[in-house]
Amino acid sequence: NALGGGAPNFVAANPRPDQPVNVGGD
């Protein structure tokens, strides 16, 4: 019963970053 008889529900919790986080400054 680990999946309750259904299909697993995968949740994307760590998406690929396209750009680095904006660090500001000059």
PDB file of all heavy atoms in Angstrom:
ATOM      1  N   ASN A   1       0.800  -1.225   0.000  1.00  0.00           N
ATOM      2  CA  ASN A   1       0.000   0.000   0.000  1.00  0.00           C
ATOM      3  C   ASN A   1       0.841   1.288   0.000  1.00  0.00           C
ATOM      4  O   ASN A   1       0.356   2.351   0.383  1.00  0.00           O
ATOM      5  CB  ASN A   1      -0.954   0.041   1.205  1.00  0.00           C
ATOM      6  CG  ASN A   1      -1.998  -1.051   1.120  1.00  0.00           C
ATOM      7  OD1 ASN A   1      -2.466  -1.392   0.030  1.00  0.00           O
ATOM      8  ND2 ASN A   1      -2.365  -1.614   2.276  1.00  0.00           N
ATOM      9  N   ALA A   2       2.094   1.155  -0.419  1.00  0.00           N
ATOM     10  CA  ALA A   2       2.951   2.348  -0.403  1.00  0.00           C
ATOM     11  C   ALA A   2       2.426   3.437  -1.314  1.00  0.00           C
ATOM     12  O   ALA A   2       2.563   4.621  -1.031  1.00  0.00           O
ATOM     13  CB  ALA A   2       4.374   1.967  -0.812  1.00  0.00           C
ATOM     14  N   LEU A   3       1.807   3.042  -2.419  1.00  0.00           N
ATOM     15  CA  LEU A   3       1.286   4.012  -3.364  1.00  0.00           C
ATOM     16  C   LEU A   3      -0.236   4.026  -3.390  1.00  0.00           C
ATOM     17  O   LEU A   3      -0.853   4.604  -4.280  1.00  0.00           O
ATOM     18  CB  LEU A   3       1.825   3.726  -4.772  1.00  0.00           C
ATOM     19  CG  LEU A   3       3.355   3.769  -4.899  1.00  0.00           C
ATOM     20  CD1 LEU A   3       3.772   3.346  -6.302  1.00  0.00           C
ATOM     21  CD2 LEU A   3       3.872   5.160  -4.583  1.00  0.00           C
ATOM     22  N   GLY A   4      -0.834   3.351  -2.424  1.00  0.00           N
ATOM     23  CA  GLY A   4      -2.277   3.334  -2.370  1.00  0.00           C
ATOM     24  C   GLY A   4      -2.919   2.692  -3.578  1.00  0.00           C
ATOM     25  O   GLY A   4      -4.076   2.960  -3.909  1.00  0.00           O
ATOM     26  N   GLY A   5      -2.154   1.843  -4.250  1.00  0.00           N
ATOM     27  CA  GLY A   5      -2.686   1.176  -5.420  1.00  0.00           C
ATOM     28  C   GLY A   5      -2.683   2.042  -6.663  1.00  0.00           C
ATOM     29  O   GLY A   5      -3.094   1.601  -7.736  1.00  0.00           O
ATOM     30  N   GLY A   6      -2.222   3.283  -6.542  1.00  0.00           N
ATOM     31  CA  GLY A   6      -2.227   4.175  -7.701  1.00  0.00           C
ATOM     32  C   GLY A   6      -0.832   4.451  -8.222  1.00  0.00           C
ATOM     33  O   GLY A   6       0.139   3.841  -7.803  1.00  0.00           O
ATOM     34  N   ALA A   7      -0.760   5.390  -9.137  1.00  0.00           N
ATOM     35  CA  ALA A   7       0.523   5.780  -9.711  1.00  0.00           C
ATOM     36  C   ALA A   7       1.215   6.780  -8.794  1.00  0.00           C
ATOM     37  O   ALA A   7       0.561   7.550  -8.092  1.00  0.00           O
ATOM     38  CB  ALA A   7       0.303   6.403 -11.097  1.00  0.00           C
ATOM     39  N   PRO A   8       2.551   6.732  -8.763  1.00  0.00           N
ATOM     40  CA  PRO A   8       3.271   7.694  -7.919  1.00  0.00           C
ATOM     41  C   PRO A   8       3.046   9.121  -8.402  1.00  0.00           C
ATOM     42  O   PRO A   8       2.913   9.373  -9.601  1.00  0.00           O
ATOM     43  CB  PRO A   8       4.739   7.273  -8.075  1.00  0.00           C
ATOM     44  CG  PRO A   8       4.787   6.541  -9.372  1.00  0.00           C
ATOM     45  CD  PRO A   8       3.476   5.849  -9.499  1.00  0.00           C
ATOM     46  N   ASN A   9       3.011  10.039  -7.465  1.00  0.00           N
ATOM     47  CA  ASN A   9       2.827  11.455  -7.776  1.00  0.00           C
ATOM     48  C   ASN A   9       4.149  12.170  -7.558  1.00  0.00           C
ATOM     49  O   ASN A   9       4.494  12.536  -6.434  1.00  0.00           O
ATOM     50  CB  ASN A   9       1.731  12.058  -6.894  1.00  0.00           C
ATOM     51  CG  ASN A   9       1.530  13.534  -7.187  1.00  0.00           C
ATOM     52  OD1 ASN A   9       1.798  13.993  -8.294  1.00  0.00           O
ATOM     53  ND2 ASN A   9       1.050  14.274  -6.200  1.00  0.00           N
ATOM     54  N   PHE A  10       4.927  12.323  -8.625  1.00  0.00           N
ATOM     55  CA  PHE A  10       6.228  12.973  -8.516  1.00  0.00           C
ATOM     56  C   PHE A  10       6.043  14.488  -8.562  1.00  0.00           C
ATOM     57  O   PHE A  10       5.365  15.023  -9.446  1.00  0.00           O
ATOM     58  CB  PHE A  10       7.149  12.535  -9.656  1.00  0.00           C
ATOM     59  CG  PHE A  10       7.548  11.092  -9.574  1.00  0.00           C
ATOM     60  CD1 PHE A  10       7.007  10.149 -10.434  1.00  0.00           C
ATOM     61  CD2 PHE A  10       8.454  10.662  -8.616  1.00  0.00           C
ATOM     62  CE1 PHE A  10       7.372   8.812 -10.363  1.00  0.00           C
ATOM     63  CE2 PHE A  10       8.827   9.331  -8.530  1.00  0.00           C
ATOM     64  CZ  PHE A  10       8.280   8.405  -9.394  1.00  0.00           C
ATOM     65  N   VAL A  11       6.652  15.177  -7.618  1.00  0.00           N
ATOM     66  CA  VAL A  11       6.562  16.637  -7.535  1.00  0.00           C
ATOM     67  C   VAL A  11       7.945  17.225  -7.746  1.00  0.00           C
ATOM     68  O   VAL A  11       8.901  16.868  -7.040  1.00  0.00           O
ATOM     69  CB  VAL A  11       6.006  17.084  -6.166  1.00  0.00           C
ATOM     70  CG1 VAL A  11       5.971  18.611  -6.083  1.00  0.00           C
ATOM     71  CG2 VAL A  11       4.633  16.492  -5.939  1.00  0.00           C
ATOM     72  N   ALA A  12       8.068  18.108  -8.723  1.00  0.00           N
ATOM     73  CA  ALA A  12       9.351  18.764  -9.002  1.00  0.00           C
ATOM     74  C   ALA A  12       9.612  19.805  -7.925  1.00  0.00           C
ATOM     75  O   ALA A  12       8.973  20.863  -7.892  1.00  0.00           O
ATOM     76  CB  ALA A  12       9.320  19.405 -10.381  1.00  0.00           C
ATOM     77  N   ALA A  13      10.539  19.504  -7.033  1.00  0.00           N
ATOM     78  CA  ALA A  13      10.828  20.401  -5.921  1.00  0.00           C
ATOM     79  C   ALA A  13      12.177  21.098  -6.062  1.00  0.00           C
ATOM     80  O   ALA A  13      12.519  21.953  -5.251  1.00  0.00           O
ATOM     81  CB  ALA A  13      10.798  19.621  -4.605  1.00  0.00           C
ATOM     82  N   ASN A  14      12.944  20.713  -7.069  1.00  0.00           N
ATOM     83  CA  ASN A  14      14.274  21.295  -7.237  1.00  0.00           C
ATOM     84  C   ASN A  14      14.498  21.552  -8.728  1.00  0.00           C
ATOM     85  O   ASN A  14      15.310  20.892  -9.372  1.00  0.00           O
ATOM     86  CB  ASN A  14      15.333  20.335  -6.680  1.00  0.00           C
ATOM     87  CG  ASN A  14      16.725  20.940  -6.722  1.00  0.00           C
ATOM     88  OD1 ASN A  14      16.907  22.146  -6.787  1.00  0.00           O
ATOM     89  ND2 ASN A  14      17.744  20.082  -6.692  1.00  0.00           N
ATOM     90  N   PRO A  15      13.797  22.522  -9.304  1.00  0.00           N
ATOM     91  CA  PRO A  15      13.914  22.763 -10.750  1.00  0.00           C
ATOM     92  C   PRO A  15      15.296  23.263 -11.129  1.00  0.00           C
ATOM     93  O   PRO A  15      15.981  23.927 -10.341  1.00  0.00           O
ATOM     94  CB  PRO A  15      12.852  23.830 -11.014  1.00  0.00           C
ATOM     95  CG  PRO A  15      12.672  24.522  -9.700  1.00  0.00           C
ATOM     96  CD  PRO A  15      12.870  23.465  -8.660  1.00  0.00           C
ATOM     97  N   ARG A  16      15.709  22.944 -12.348  1.00  0.00           N
ATOM     98  CA  ARG A  16      16.994  23.433 -12.855  1.00  0.00           C
ATOM     99  C   ARG A  16      16.983  24.966 -12.943  1.00  0.00           C
ATOM    100  O   ARG A  16      16.059  25.553 -13.491  1.00  0.00           O
ATOM    101  CB  ARG A  16      17.239  22.888 -14.254  1.00  0.00           C
ATOM    102  CG  ARG A  16      17.786  21.493 -14.328  1.00  0.00           C
ATOM    103  CD  ARG A  16      17.903  21.082 -15.781  1.00  0.00           C
ATOM    104  NE  ARG A  16      18.822  19.964 -15.976  1.00  0.00           N
ATOM    105  CZ  ARG A  16      19.101  19.452 -17.161  1.00  0.00           C
ATOM    106  NH1 ARG A  16      18.511  19.941 -18.247  1.00  0.00           N
ATOM    107  NH2 ARG A  16      19.950  18.448 -17.270  1.00  0.00           N
ATOM    108  N   PRO A  17      18.029  25.607 -12.445  1.00  0.00           N
ATOM    109  CA  PRO A  17      18.097  27.070 -12.602  1.00  0.00           C
ATOM    110  C   PRO A  17      18.683  27.429 -13.964  1.00  0.00           C
ATOM    111  O   PRO A  17      19.745  26.931 -14.341  1.00  0.00           O
ATOM    112  CB  PRO A  17      19.035  27.494 -11.472  1.00  0.00           C
ATOM    113  CG  PRO A  17      19.951  26.322 -11.298  1.00  0.00           C
ATOM    114  CD  PRO A  17      19.127  25.088 -11.617  1.00  0.00           C
ATOM    115  N   ASP A  18      17.995  28.278 -14.691  1.00  0.00           N
ATOM    116  CA  ASP A  18      18.543  28.741 -15.963  1.00  0.00           C
ATOM    117  C   ASP A  18      19.666  29.755 -15.717  1.00  0.00           C
ATOM    118  O   ASP A  18      20.730  29.683 -16.319  1.00  0.00           O
ATOM    119  CB  ASP A  18      17.446  29.365 -16.825  1.00  0.00           C
ATOM    120  CG  ASP A  18      17.993  29.898 -18.142  1.00  0.00           C
ATOM    121  OD1 ASP A  18      18.752  29.164 -18.810  1.00  0.00           O
ATOM    122  OD2 ASP A  18      17.690  31.049 -18.489  1.00  0.00           O
ATOM    123  N   GLN A  19      19.416  30.683 -14.811  1.00  0.00           N
ATOM    124  CA  GLN A  19      20.374  31.730 -14.473  1.00  0.00           C
ATOM    125  C   GLN A  19      20.683  31.650 -12.984  1.00  0.00           C
ATOM    126  O   GLN A  19      19.857  31.192 -12.196  1.00  0.00           O
ATOM    127  CB  GLN A  19      19.794  33.117 -14.792  1.00  0.00           C
ATOM    128  CG  GLN A  19      19.411  33.336 -16.240  1.00  0.00           C
ATOM    129  CD  GLN A  19      20.615  33.547 -17.140  1.00  0.00           C
ATOM    130  OE1 GLN A  19      21.704  33.868 -16.665  1.00  0.00           O
ATOM    131  NE2 GLN A  19      20.428  33.366 -18.436  1.00  0.00           N
ATOM    132  N   PRO A  20      21.861  32.126 -12.574  1.00  0.00           N
ATOM    133  CA  PRO A  20      22.110  32.219 -11.130  1.00  0.00           C
ATOM    134  C   PRO A  20      21.203  33.270 -10.511  1.00  0.00           C
ATOM    135  O   PRO A  20      20.718  34.176 -11.204  1.00  0.00           O
ATOM    136  CB  PRO A  20      23.585  32.641 -11.053  1.00  0.00           C
ATOM    137  CG  PRO A  20      23.889  33.267 -12.366  1.00  0.00           C
ATOM    138  CD  PRO A  20      23.025  32.587 -13.372  1.00  0.00           C
ATOM    139  N   VAL A  21      20.962  33.142  -9.222  1.00  0.00           N
ATOM    140  CA  VAL A  21      20.180  34.144  -8.501  1.00  0.00           C
ATOM    141  C   VAL A  21      20.868  35.500  -8.630  1.00  0.00           C
ATOM    142  O   VAL A  21      22.097  35.608  -8.565  1.00  0.00           O
ATOM    143  CB  VAL A  21      20.042  33.738  -7.024  1.00  0.00           C
ATOM    144  CG1 VAL A  21      19.376  34.840  -6.213  1.00  0.00           C
ATOM    145  CG2 VAL A  21      19.259  32.435  -6.904  1.00  0.00           C
ATOM    146  N   ASN A  22      20.081  36.541  -8.819  1.00  0.00           N
ATOM    147  CA  ASN A  22      20.630  37.895  -8.947  1.00  0.00           C
ATOM    148  C   ASN A  22      21.312  38.304  -7.648  1.00  0.00           C
ATOM    149  O   ASN A  22      20.671  38.353  -6.589  1.00  0.00           O
ATOM    150  CB  ASN A  22      19.503  38.869  -9.290  1.00  0.00           C
ATOM    151  CG  ASN A  22      20.014  40.286  -9.527  1.00  0.00           C
ATOM    152  OD1 ASN A  22      21.224  40.535  -9.531  1.00  0.00           O
ATOM    153  ND2 ASN A  22      19.100  41.206  -9.716  1.00  0.00           N
ATOM    154  N   VAL A  23      22.598  38.598  -7.713  1.00  0.00           N
ATOM    155  CA  VAL A  23      23.355  38.949  -6.507  1.00  0.00           C
ATOM    156  C   VAL A  23      23.517  40.446  -6.340  1.00  0.00           C
ATOM    157  O   VAL A  23      24.093  40.911  -5.351  1.00  0.00           O
ATOM    158  CB  VAL A  23      24.738  38.257  -6.503  1.00  0.00           C
ATOM    159  CG1 VAL A  23      24.595  36.757  -6.432  1.00  0.00           C
ATOM    160  CG2 VAL A  23      25.564  38.673  -7.723  1.00  0.00           C
ATOM    161  N   GLY A  24      23.036  41.230  -7.302  1.00  0.00           N
ATOM    162  CA  GLY A  24      23.088  42.676  -7.176  1.00  0.00           C
ATOM    163  C   GLY A  24      24.504  43.221  -7.206  1.00  0.00           C
ATOM    164  O   GLY A  24      25.451  42.571  -7.658  1.00  0.00           O
ATOM    165  N   GLY A  25      24.656  44.440  -6.705  1.00  0.00           N
ATOM    166  CA  GLY A  25      25.965  45.077  -6.637  1.00  0.00           C
ATOM    167  C   GLY A  25      26.441  45.610  -7.968  1.00  0.00           C
ATOM    168  O   GLY A  25      25.744  45.542  -8.983  1.00  0.00           O
ATOM    169  N   ASP A  26      27.653  46.140  -7.960  1.00  0.00           N
ATOM    170  CA  ASP A  26      28.255  46.655  -9.183  1.00  0.00           C
ATOM    171  C   ASP A  26      29.539  45.928  -9.556  1.00  0.00           C
ATOM    172  O   ASP A  26      30.228  46.307 -10.497  1.00  0.00           O
ATOM    173  CB  ASP A  26      28.509  48.167  -9.086  1.00  0.00           C
ATOM    174  CG  ASP A  26      29.038  48.589  -7.724  1.00  0.00           C
ATOM    175  OD1 ASP A  26      29.775  47.804  -7.105  1.00  0.00           O
ATOM    176  OD2 ASP A  26      28.709  49.700  -7.293  1.00  0.00           O
TER     177      ASP A  26
END
